[in-house]
Amino acid sequence: AIGSCTNSRITDLRMAAEVFRGRRVAEGVRVLVVPGSEE
């Protein structure tokens, strides 16, 4: 789970995206990504 009021800012999402880029979520893992605001 990536988000929450601790780590859901645009910089947090950029960090996570850098890891995901060109990769796939492992089989059997559920992944939630939640931005911190509409902005």
PDB file of all heavy atoms in Angstrom:
ATOM      1  N   ALA A   1       0.850  -1.194   0.000  1.00  0.00           N
ATOM      2  CA  ALA A   1       0.000   0.000   0.000  1.00  0.00           C
ATOM      3  C   ALA A   1       0.884   1.243   0.000  1.00  0.00           C
ATOM      4  O   ALA A   1       1.652   1.461   0.935  1.00  0.00           O
ATOM      5  CB  ALA A   1      -0.917  -0.003   1.218  1.00  0.00           C
ATOM      6  N   ILE A   2       0.760   2.040  -1.053  1.00  0.00           N
ATOM      7  CA  ILE A   2       1.564   3.256  -1.206  1.00  0.00           C
ATOM      8  C   ILE A   2       0.619   4.445  -1.148  1.00  0.00           C
ATOM      9  O   ILE A   2      -0.250   4.597  -2.005  1.00  0.00           O
ATOM     10  CB  ILE A   2       2.346   3.242  -2.525  1.00  0.00           C
ATOM     11  CG1 ILE A   2       3.311   2.045  -2.545  1.00  0.00           C
ATOM     12  CG2 ILE A   2       3.107   4.548  -2.720  1.00  0.00           C
ATOM     13  CD1 ILE A   2       3.981   1.822  -3.882  1.00  0.00           C
ATOM     14  N   GLY A   3       0.773   5.274  -0.127  1.00  0.00           N
ATOM     15  CA  GLY A   3      -0.099   6.425   0.071  1.00  0.00           C
ATOM     16  C   GLY A   3      -0.119   6.827   1.526  1.00  0.00           C
ATOM     17  O   GLY A   3       0.898   6.766   2.210  1.00  0.00           O
ATOM     18  N   SER A   4      -1.272   7.253   2.028  1.00  0.00           N
ATOM     19  CA  SER A   4      -1.522   7.738   3.388  1.00  0.00           C
ATOM     20  C   SER A   4      -1.008   9.164   3.564  1.00  0.00           C
ATOM     21  O   SER A   4      -0.281   9.680   2.715  1.00  0.00           O
ATOM     22  CB  SER A   4      -0.910   6.825   4.463  1.00  0.00           C
ATOM     23  OG  SER A   4       0.431   7.185   4.744  1.00  0.00           O
ATOM     24  N   CYS A   5      -1.356   9.788   4.684  1.00  0.00           N
ATOM     25  CA  CYS A   5      -0.924  11.168   4.912  1.00  0.00           C
ATOM     26  C   CYS A   5       0.573  11.261   5.144  1.00  0.00           C
ATOM     27  O   CYS A   5       1.135  12.351   5.172  1.00  0.00           O
ATOM     28  CB  CYS A   5      -1.686  11.790   6.085  1.00  0.00           C
ATOM     29  SG  CYS A   5      -1.536  10.905   7.647  1.00  0.00           S
ATOM     30  N   THR A   6       1.262  10.125   5.246  1.00  0.00           N
ATOM     31  CA  THR A   6       2.705  10.118   5.442  1.00  0.00           C
ATOM     32  C   THR A   6       3.462  10.176   4.133  1.00  0.00           C
ATOM     33  O   THR A   6       4.453  10.892   4.010  1.00  0.00           O
ATOM     34  CB  THR A   6       3.135   8.837   6.196  1.00  0.00           C
ATOM     35  OG1 THR A   6       2.245   8.598   7.278  1.00  0.00           O
ATOM     36  CG2 THR A   6       4.542   8.966   6.721  1.00  0.00           C
ATOM     37  N   ASN A   7       3.019   9.435   3.141  1.00  0.00           N
ATOM     38  CA  ASN A   7       3.782   9.288   1.894  1.00  0.00           C
ATOM     39  C   ASN A   7       2.895   9.214   0.664  1.00  0.00           C
ATOM     40  O   ASN A   7       2.915   8.230  -0.077  1.00  0.00           O
ATOM     41  CB  ASN A   7       4.652   8.025   1.956  1.00  0.00           C
ATOM     42  CG  ASN A   7       5.903   8.185   2.775  1.00  0.00           C
ATOM     43  OD1 ASN A   7       6.066   7.523   3.793  1.00  0.00           O
ATOM     44  ND2 ASN A   7       6.792   9.058   2.357  1.00  0.00           N
ATOM     45  N   SER A   8       2.106  10.260   0.420  1.00  0.00           N
ATOM     46  CA  SER A   8       1.234  10.242  -0.758  1.00  0.00           C
ATOM     47  C   SER A   8       1.407  11.494  -1.606  1.00  0.00           C
ATOM     48  O   SER A   8       0.549  11.833  -2.395  1.00  0.00           O
ATOM     49  CB  SER A   8      -0.229  10.135  -0.309  1.00  0.00           C
ATOM     50  OG  SER A   8      -0.571  11.237   0.518  1.00  0.00           O
ATOM     51  N   ARG A   9       2.546  12.168  -1.459  1.00  0.00           N
ATOM     52  CA  ARG A   9       2.789  13.392  -2.211  1.00  0.00           C
ATOM     53  C   ARG A   9       3.370  13.055  -3.579  1.00  0.00           C
ATOM     54  O   ARG A   9       3.780  11.926  -3.837  1.00  0.00           O
ATOM     55  CB  ARG A   9       3.708  14.311  -1.400  1.00  0.00           C
ATOM     56  CG  ARG A   9       3.047  14.710  -0.087  1.00  0.00           C
ATOM     57  CD  ARG A   9       4.008  15.236   0.957  1.00  0.00           C
ATOM     58  NE  ARG A   9       3.305  15.357   2.233  1.00  0.00           N
ATOM     59  CZ  ARG A   9       3.169  14.366   3.116  1.00  0.00           C
ATOM     60  NH1 ARG A   9       3.711  13.192   2.868  1.00  0.00           N
ATOM     61  NH2 ARG A   9       2.506  14.557   4.229  1.00  0.00           N
ATOM     62  N   ILE A  10       3.442  14.039  -4.451  1.00  0.00           N
ATOM     63  CA  ILE A  10       3.884  13.770  -5.815  1.00  0.00           C
ATOM     64  C   ILE A  10       5.304  13.216  -5.829  1.00  0.00           C
ATOM     65  O   ILE A  10       5.639  12.332  -6.633  1.00  0.00           O
ATOM     66  CB  ILE A  10       3.768  15.038  -6.697  1.00  0.00           C
ATOM     67  CG1 ILE A  10       4.008  14.696  -8.166  1.00  0.00           C
ATOM     68  CG2 ILE A  10       4.701  16.140  -6.226  1.00  0.00           C
ATOM     69  CD1 ILE A  10       2.955  13.800  -8.774  1.00  0.00           C
ATOM     70  N   THR A  11       6.155  13.686  -4.914  1.00  0.00           N
ATOM     71  CA  THR A  11       7.526  13.170  -4.860  1.00  0.00           C
ATOM     72  C   THR A  11       7.546  11.700  -4.450  1.00  0.00           C
ATOM     73  O   THR A  11       8.377  10.921  -4.937  1.00  0.00           O
ATOM     74  CB  THR A  11       8.366  14.002  -3.887  1.00  0.00           C
ATOM     75  OG1 THR A  11       7.635  14.193  -2.663  1.00  0.00           O
ATOM     76  CG2 THR A  11       8.676  15.374  -4.472  1.00  0.00           C
ATOM     77  N   ASP A  12       6.643  11.295  -3.555  1.00  0.00           N
ATOM     78  CA  ASP A  12       6.542   9.893  -3.155  1.00  0.00           C
ATOM     79  C   ASP A  12       6.116   9.024  -4.332  1.00  0.00           C
ATOM     80  O   ASP A  12       6.648   7.931  -4.558  1.00  0.00           O
ATOM     81  CB  ASP A  12       5.530   9.735  -2.017  1.00  0.00           C
ATOM     82  CG  ASP A  12       5.933  10.484  -0.768  1.00  0.00           C
ATOM     83  OD1 ASP A  12       7.081  10.363  -0.343  1.00  0.00           O
ATOM     84  OD2 ASP A  12       5.078  11.201  -0.206  1.00  0.00           O
ATOM     85  N   LEU A  13       5.136   9.517  -5.093  1.00  0.00           N
ATOM     86  CA  LEU A  13       4.643   8.753  -6.240  1.00  0.00           C
ATOM     87  C   LEU A  13       5.705   8.653  -7.330  1.00  0.00           C
ATOM     88  O   LEU A  13       5.826   7.619  -7.993  1.00  0.00           O
ATOM     89  CB  LEU A  13       3.370   9.398  -6.784  1.00  0.00           C
ATOM     90  CG  LEU A  13       2.190   9.491  -5.798  1.00  0.00           C
ATOM     91  CD1 LEU A  13       0.994  10.149  -6.472  1.00  0.00           C
ATOM     92  CD2 LEU A  13       1.816   8.119  -5.250  1.00  0.00           C
ATOM     93  N   ARG A  14       6.488   9.707  -7.502  1.00  0.00           N
ATOM     94  CA  ARG A  14       7.584   9.655  -8.478  1.00  0.00           C
ATOM     95  C   ARG A  14       8.610   8.599  -8.080  1.00  0.00           C
ATOM     96  O   ARG A  14       9.131   7.870  -8.930  1.00  0.00           O
ATOM     97  CB  ARG A  14       8.251  11.017  -8.595  1.00  0.00           C
ATOM     98  CG  ARG A  14       7.422  12.070  -9.304  1.00  0.00           C
ATOM     99  CD  ARG A  14       8.064  13.436  -9.155  1.00  0.00           C
ATOM    100  NE  ARG A  14       7.284  14.499  -9.777  1.00  0.00           N
ATOM    101  CZ  ARG A  14       7.404  15.787  -9.453  1.00  0.00           C
ATOM    102  NH1 ARG A  14       8.274  16.155  -8.515  1.00  0.00           N
ATOM    103  NH2 ARG A  14       6.666  16.693 -10.049  1.00  0.00           N
ATOM    104  N   MET A  15       8.926   8.530  -6.771  1.00  0.00           N
ATOM    105  CA  MET A  15       9.882   7.527  -6.299  1.00  0.00           C
ATOM    106  C   MET A  15       9.385   6.119  -6.596  1.00  0.00           C
ATOM    107  O   MET A  15      10.122   5.272  -7.106  1.00  0.00           O
ATOM    108  CB  MET A  15      10.126   7.693  -4.792  1.00  0.00           C
ATOM    109  CG  MET A  15      11.073   8.803  -4.412  1.00  0.00           C
ATOM    110  SD  MET A  15      11.565   8.719  -2.662  1.00  0.00           S
ATOM    111  CE  MET A  15      10.075   9.297  -1.862  1.00  0.00           C
ATOM    112  N   ALA A  16       8.127   5.873  -6.253  1.00  0.00           N
ATOM    113  CA  ALA A  16       7.561   4.544  -6.483  1.00  0.00           C
ATOM    114  C   ALA A  16       7.521   4.216  -7.968  1.00  0.00           C
ATOM    115  O   ALA A  16       7.837   3.093  -8.384  1.00  0.00           O
ATOM    116  CB  ALA A  16       6.162   4.468  -5.885  1.00  0.00           C
ATOM    117  N   ALA A  17       7.151   5.198  -8.793  1.00  0.00           N
ATOM    118  CA  ALA A  17       7.061   4.973 -10.240  1.00  0.00           C
ATOM    119  C   ALA A  17       8.418   4.613 -10.823  1.00  0.00           C
ATOM    120  O   ALA A  17       8.503   3.822 -11.776  1.00  0.00           O
ATOM    121  CB  ALA A  17       6.496   6.217 -10.925  1.00  0.00           C
ATOM    122  N   GLU A  18       9.486   5.163 -10.261  1.00  0.00           N
ATOM    123  CA  GLU A  18      10.829   4.852 -10.747  1.00  0.00           C
ATOM    124  C   GLU A  18      11.136   3.359 -10.589  1.00  0.00           C
ATOM    125  O   GLU A  18      11.806   2.756 -11.437  1.00  0.00           O
ATOM    126  CB  GLU A  18      11.862   5.690  -9.992  1.00  0.00           C
ATOM    127  CG  GLU A  18      13.280   5.549 -10.497  1.00  0.00           C
ATOM    128  CD  GLU A  18      13.463   6.112 -11.897  1.00  0.00           C
ATOM    129  OE1 GLU A  18      12.641   6.941 -12.345  1.00  0.00           O
ATOM    130  OE2 GLU A  18      14.438   5.696 -12.551  1.00  0.00           O
ATOM    131  N   VAL A  19      10.630   2.773  -9.521  1.00  0.00           N
ATOM    132  CA  VAL A  19      10.836   1.341  -9.299  1.00  0.00           C
ATOM    133  C   VAL A  19       9.933   0.517 -10.216  1.00  0.00           C
ATOM    134  O   VAL A  19      10.348  -0.506 -10.773  1.00  0.00           O
ATOM    135  CB  VAL A  19      10.568   0.974  -7.822  1.00  0.00           C
ATOM    136  CG1 VAL A  19      10.797  -0.524  -7.586  1.00  0.00           C
ATOM    137  CG2 VAL A  19      11.463   1.796  -6.896  1.00  0.00           C
ATOM    138  N   PHE A  20       8.685   0.957 -10.381  1.00  0.00           N
ATOM    139  CA  PHE A  20       7.721   0.201 -11.195  1.00  0.00           C
ATOM    140  C   PHE A  20       8.021   0.273 -12.691  1.00  0.00           C
ATOM    141  O   PHE A  20       7.630  -0.627 -13.443  1.00  0.00           O
ATOM    142  CB  PHE A  20       6.303   0.730 -10.960  1.00  0.00           C
ATOM    143  CG  PHE A  20       5.659   0.237  -9.702  1.00  0.00           C
ATOM    144  CD1 PHE A  20       5.366   1.115  -8.670  1.00  0.00           C
ATOM    145  CD2 PHE A  20       5.348  -1.106  -9.547  1.00  0.00           C
ATOM    146  CE1 PHE A  20       4.760   0.663  -7.504  1.00  0.00           C
ATOM    147  CE2 PHE A  20       4.749  -1.568  -8.395  1.00  0.00           C
ATOM    148  CZ  PHE A  20       4.456  -0.680  -7.358  1.00  0.00           C
ATOM    149  N   ARG A  21       8.691   1.333 -13.131  1.00  0.00           N
ATOM    150  CA  ARG A  21       8.895   1.555 -14.557  1.00  0.00           C
ATOM    151  C   ARG A  21       9.566   0.336 -15.216  1.00  0.00           C
ATOM    152  O   ARG A  21      10.663  -0.083 -14.840  1.00  0.00           O
ATOM    153  CB  ARG A  21       9.759   2.800 -14.764  1.00  0.00           C
ATOM    154  CG  ARG A  21       9.755   3.324 -16.203  1.00  0.00           C
ATOM    155  CD  ARG A  21      10.729   4.482 -16.346  1.00  0.00           C
ATOM    156  NE  ARG A  21      10.469   5.533 -15.385  1.00  0.00           N
ATOM    157  CZ  ARG A  21       9.622   6.546 -15.567  1.00  0.00           C
ATOM    158  NH1 ARG A  21       8.944   6.613 -16.714  1.00  0.00           N
ATOM    159  NH2 ARG A  21       9.454   7.473 -14.652  1.00  0.00           N
ATOM    160  N   GLY A  22       8.878  -0.245 -16.205  1.00  0.00           N
ATOM    161  CA  GLY A  22       9.424  -1.384 -16.920  1.00  0.00           C
ATOM    162  C   GLY A  22       9.344  -2.703 -16.159  1.00  0.00           C
ATOM    163  O   GLY A  22       9.891  -3.712 -16.617  1.00  0.00           O
ATOM    164  N   ARG A  23       8.657  -2.711 -15.006  1.00  0.00           N
ATOM    165  CA  ARG A  23       8.539  -3.939 -14.213  1.00  0.00           C
ATOM    166  C   ARG A  23       7.062  -4.265 -13.994  1.00  0.00           C
ATOM    167  O   ARG A  23       6.186  -3.432 -14.212  1.00  0.00           O
ATOM    168  CB  ARG A  23       9.243  -3.781 -12.864  1.00  0.00           C
ATOM    169  CG  ARG A  23      10.751  -3.577 -12.967  1.00  0.00           C
ATOM    170  CD  ARG A  23      11.380  -3.482 -11.573  1.00  0.00           C
ATOM    171  NE  ARG A  23      12.842  -3.452 -11.643  1.00  0.00           N
ATOM    172  CZ  ARG A  23      13.556  -2.334 -11.744  1.00  0.00           C
ATOM    173  NH1 ARG A  23      12.949  -1.168 -11.776  1.00  0.00           N
ATOM    174  NH2 ARG A  23      14.878  -2.394 -11.806  1.00  0.00           N
ATOM    175  N   ARG A  24       6.805  -5.471 -13.520  1.00  0.00           N
ATOM    176  CA  ARG A  24       5.448  -5.913 -13.224  1.00  0.00           C
ATOM    177  C   ARG A  24       5.329  -6.279 -11.748  1.00  0.00           C
ATOM    178  O   ARG A  24       6.289  -6.732 -11.124  1.00  0.00           O
ATOM    179  CB  ARG A  24       5.091  -7.147 -14.058  1.00  0.00           C
ATOM    180  CG  ARG A  24       4.912  -6.874 -15.531  1.00  0.00           C
ATOM    181  CD  ARG A  24       3.586  -6.240 -15.836  1.00  0.00           C
ATOM    182  NE  ARG A  24       2.460  -7.039 -15.362  1.00  0.00           N
ATOM    183  CZ  ARG A  24       1.186  -6.655 -15.403  1.00  0.00           C
ATOM    184  NH1 ARG A  24       0.878  -5.459 -15.878  1.00  0.00           N
ATOM    185  NH2 ARG A  24       0.224  -7.434 -14.964  1.00  0.00           N
ATOM    186  N   VAL A  25       4.132  -6.085 -11.206  1.00  0.00           N
ATOM    187  CA  VAL A  25       3.832  -6.528  -9.841  1.00  0.00           C
ATOM    188  C   VAL A  25       3.968  -8.046  -9.781  1.00  0.00           C
ATOM    189  O   VAL A  25       3.510  -8.758 -10.685  1.00  0.00           O
ATOM    190  CB  VAL A  25       2.409  -6.090  -9.436  1.00  0.00           C
ATOM    191  CG1 VAL A  25       1.984  -6.754  -8.139  1.00  0.00           C
ATOM    192  CG2 VAL A  25       2.345  -4.568  -9.311  1.00  0.00           C
ATOM    193  N   ALA A  26       4.606  -8.531  -8.727  1.00  0.00           N
ATOM    194  CA  ALA A  26       4.817  -9.977  -8.578  1.00  0.00           C
ATOM    195  C   ALA A  26       3.485 -10.708  -8.458  1.00  0.00           C
ATOM    196  O   ALA A  26       2.498 -10.171  -7.931  1.00  0.00           O
ATOM    197  CB  ALA A  26       5.679 -10.253  -7.351  1.00  0.00           C
ATOM    198  N   GLU A  27       3.439 -11.922  -8.932  1.00  0.00           N
ATOM    199  CA  GLU A  27       2.230 -12.733  -8.890  1.00  0.00           C
ATOM    200  C   GLU A  27       1.768 -12.928  -7.439  1.00  0.00           C
ATOM    201  O   GLU A  27       2.580 -13.213  -6.553  1.00  0.00           O
ATOM    202  CB  GLU A  27       2.484 -14.091  -9.526  1.00  0.00           C
ATOM    203  CG  GLU A  27       1.236 -14.949  -9.653  1.00  0.00           C
ATOM    204  CD  GLU A  27       1.496 -16.255 -10.371  1.00  0.00           C
ATOM    205  OE1 GLU A  27       2.615 -16.439 -10.884  1.00  0.00           O
ATOM    206  OE2 GLU A  27       0.571 -17.091 -10.426  1.00  0.00           O
ATOM    207  N   GLY A  28       0.473 -12.745  -7.210  1.00  0.00           N
ATOM    208  CA  GLY A  28      -0.090 -12.957  -5.882  1.00  0.00           C
ATOM    209  C   GLY A  28      -0.008 -11.766  -4.957  1.00  0.00           C
ATOM    210  O   GLY A  28      -0.401 -11.855  -3.791  1.00  0.00           O
ATOM    211  N   VAL A  29       0.497 -10.619  -5.455  1.00  0.00           N
ATOM    212  CA  VAL A  29       0.615  -9.412  -4.632  1.00  0.00           C
ATOM    213  C   VAL A  29      -0.404  -8.381  -5.107  1.00  0.00           C
ATOM    214  O   VAL A  29      -0.488  -8.083  -6.301  1.00  0.00           O
ATOM    215  CB  VAL A  29       2.029  -8.813  -4.699  1.00  0.00           C
ATOM    216  CG1 VAL A  29       2.119  -7.565  -3.806  1.00  0.00           C
ATOM    217  CG2 VAL A  29       3.065  -9.837  -4.275  1.00  0.00           C
ATOM    218  N   ARG A  30      -1.164  -7.859  -4.181  1.00  0.00           N
ATOM    219  CA  ARG A  30      -2.104  -6.776  -4.484  1.00  0.00           C
ATOM    220  C   ARG A  30      -1.434  -5.453  -4.136  1.00  0.00           C
ATOM    221  O   ARG A  30      -0.880  -5.310  -3.041  1.00  0.00           O
ATOM    222  CB  ARG A  30      -3.380  -6.933  -3.667  1.00  0.00           C
ATOM    223  CG  ARG A  30      -4.439  -5.881  -3.975  1.00  0.00           C
ATOM    224  CD  ARG A  30      -5.588  -5.992  -3.005  1.00  0.00           C
ATOM    225  NE  ARG A  30      -6.684  -5.119  -3.379  1.00  0.00           N
ATOM    226  CZ  ARG A  30      -7.710  -4.820  -2.572  1.00  0.00           C
ATOM    227  NH1 ARG A  30      -7.762  -5.340  -1.354  1.00  0.00           N
ATOM    228  NH2 ARG A  30      -8.678  -4.029  -2.974  1.00  0.00           N
ATOM    229  N   VAL A  31      -1.476  -4.499  -5.050  1.00  0.00           N
ATOM    230  CA  VAL A  31      -0.799  -3.218  -4.837  1.00  0.00           C
ATOM    231  C   VAL A  31      -1.798  -2.075  -4.985  1.00  0.00           C
ATOM    232  O   VAL A  31      -2.489  -1.972  -6.005  1.00  0.00           O
ATOM    233  CB  VAL A  31       0.363  -3.021  -5.830  1.00  0.00           C
ATOM    234  CG1 VAL A  31       1.052  -1.685  -5.569  1.00  0.00           C
ATOM    235  CG2 VAL A  31       1.368  -4.169  -5.705  1.00  0.00           C
ATOM    236  N   LEU A  32      -1.868  -1.236  -3.962  1.00  0.00           N
ATOM    237  CA  LEU A  32      -2.742  -0.069  -3.956  1.00  0.00           C
ATOM    238  C   LEU A  32      -1.879   1.184  -3.982  1.00  0.00           C
ATOM    239  O   LEU A  32      -0.945   1.311  -3.196  1.00  0.00           O
ATOM    240  CB  LEU A  32      -3.609  -0.051  -2.692  1.00  0.00           C
ATOM    241  CG  LEU A  32      -4.252  -1.374  -2.256  1.00  0.00           C
ATOM    242  CD1 LEU A  32      -4.957  -1.192  -0.925  1.00  0.00           C
ATOM    243  CD2 LEU A  32      -5.224  -1.858  -3.320  1.00  0.00           C
ATOM    244  N   VAL A  33      -2.182   2.118  -4.871  1.00  0.00           N
ATOM    245  CA  VAL A  33      -1.470   3.394  -4.931  1.00  0.00           C
ATOM    246  C   VAL A  33      -2.504   4.503  -4.796  1.00  0.00           C
ATOM    247  O   VAL A  33      -3.413   4.627  -5.624  1.00  0.00           O
ATOM    248  CB  VAL A  33      -0.684   3.556  -6.242  1.00  0.00           C
ATOM    249  CG1 VAL A  33       0.122   4.856  -6.211  1.00  0.00           C
ATOM    250  CG2 VAL A  33       0.247   2.365  -6.469  1.00  0.00           C
ATOM    251  N   VAL A  34      -2.355   5.311  -3.735  1.00  0.00           N
ATOM    252  CA  VAL A  34      -3.383   6.302  -3.390  1.00  0.00           C
ATOM    253  C   VAL A  34      -2.763   7.697  -3.287  1.00  0.00           C
ATOM    254  O   VAL A  34      -2.006   7.972  -2.358  1.00  0.00           O
ATOM    255  CB  VAL A  34      -4.065   5.945  -2.054  1.00  0.00           C
ATOM    256  CG1 VAL A  34      -5.241   6.886  -1.798  1.00  0.00           C
ATOM    257  CG2 VAL A  34      -4.528   4.498  -2.045  1.00  0.00           C
ATOM    258  N   PRO A  35      -3.056   8.594  -4.242  1.00  0.00           N
ATOM    259  CA  PRO A  35      -2.539   9.958  -4.139  1.00  0.00           C
ATOM    260  C   PRO A  35      -3.161  10.697  -2.951  1.00  0.00           C
ATOM    261  O   PRO A  35      -4.271  10.374  -2.522  1.00  0.00           O
ATOM    262  CB  PRO A  35      -2.950  10.587  -5.470  1.00  0.00           C
ATOM    263  CG  PRO A  35      -4.144   9.796  -5.908  1.00  0.00           C
ATOM    264  CD  PRO A  35      -3.932   8.400  -5.409  1.00  0.00           C
ATOM    265  N   GLY A  36      -2.441  11.698  -2.442  1.00  0.00           N
ATOM    266  CA  GLY A  36      -2.866  12.355  -1.209  1.00  0.00           C
ATOM    267  C   GLY A  36      -3.936  13.413  -1.371  1.00  0.00           C
ATOM    268  O   GLY A  36      -4.540  13.836  -0.378  1.00  0.00           O
ATOM    269  N   SER A  37      -4.190  13.873  -2.587  1.00  0.00           N
ATOM    270  CA  SER A  37      -5.206  14.904  -2.804  1.00  0.00           C
ATOM    271  C   SER A  37      -5.577  14.914  -4.274  1.00  0.00           C
ATOM    272  O   SER A  37      -4.907  14.287  -5.115  1.00  0.00           O
ATOM    273  CB  SER A  37      -4.665  16.286  -2.398  1.00  0.00           C
ATOM    274  OG  SER A  37      -3.638  16.695  -3.292  1.00  0.00           O
ATOM    275  N   GLU A  38      -6.632  15.639  -4.607  1.00  0.00           N
ATOM    276  CA  GLU A  38      -7.028  15.772  -6.009  1.00  0.00           C
ATOM    277  C   GLU A  38      -5.936  16.489  -6.803  1.00  0.00           C
ATOM    278  O   GLU A  38      -5.681  16.166  -7.966  1.00  0.00           O
ATOM    279  CB  GLU A  38      -8.354  16.534  -6.118  1.00  0.00           C
ATOM    280  CG  GLU A  38      -9.574  15.697  -5.763  1.00  0.00           C
ATOM    281  CD  GLU A  38      -9.793  14.546  -6.746  1.00  0.00           C
ATOM    282  OE1 GLU A  38      -9.417  14.686  -7.939  1.00  0.00           O
ATOM    283  OE2 GLU A  38     -10.323  13.506  -6.332  1.00  0.00           O
ATOM    284  N   GLU A  39      -5.289  17.460  -6.176  1.00  0.00           N
ATOM    285  CA  GLU A  39      -4.212  18.183  -6.856  1.00  0.00           C
ATOM    286  C   GLU A  39      -3.061  17.233  -7.209  1.00  0.00           C
ATOM    287  O   GLU A  39      -2.536  17.261  -8.331  1.00  0.00           O
ATOM    288  CB  GLU A  39      -3.703  19.322  -5.968  1.00  0.00           C
ATOM    289  CG  GLU A  39      -2.569  20.123  -6.605  1.00  0.00           C
ATOM    290  CD  GLU A  39      -2.015  21.194  -5.668  1.00  0.00           C
ATOM    291  OE1 GLU A  39      -2.494  21.306  -4.527  1.00  0.00           O
ATOM    292  OE2 GLU A  39      -1.085  21.896  -6.094  1.00  0.00           O
TER     293      GLU A  39
END
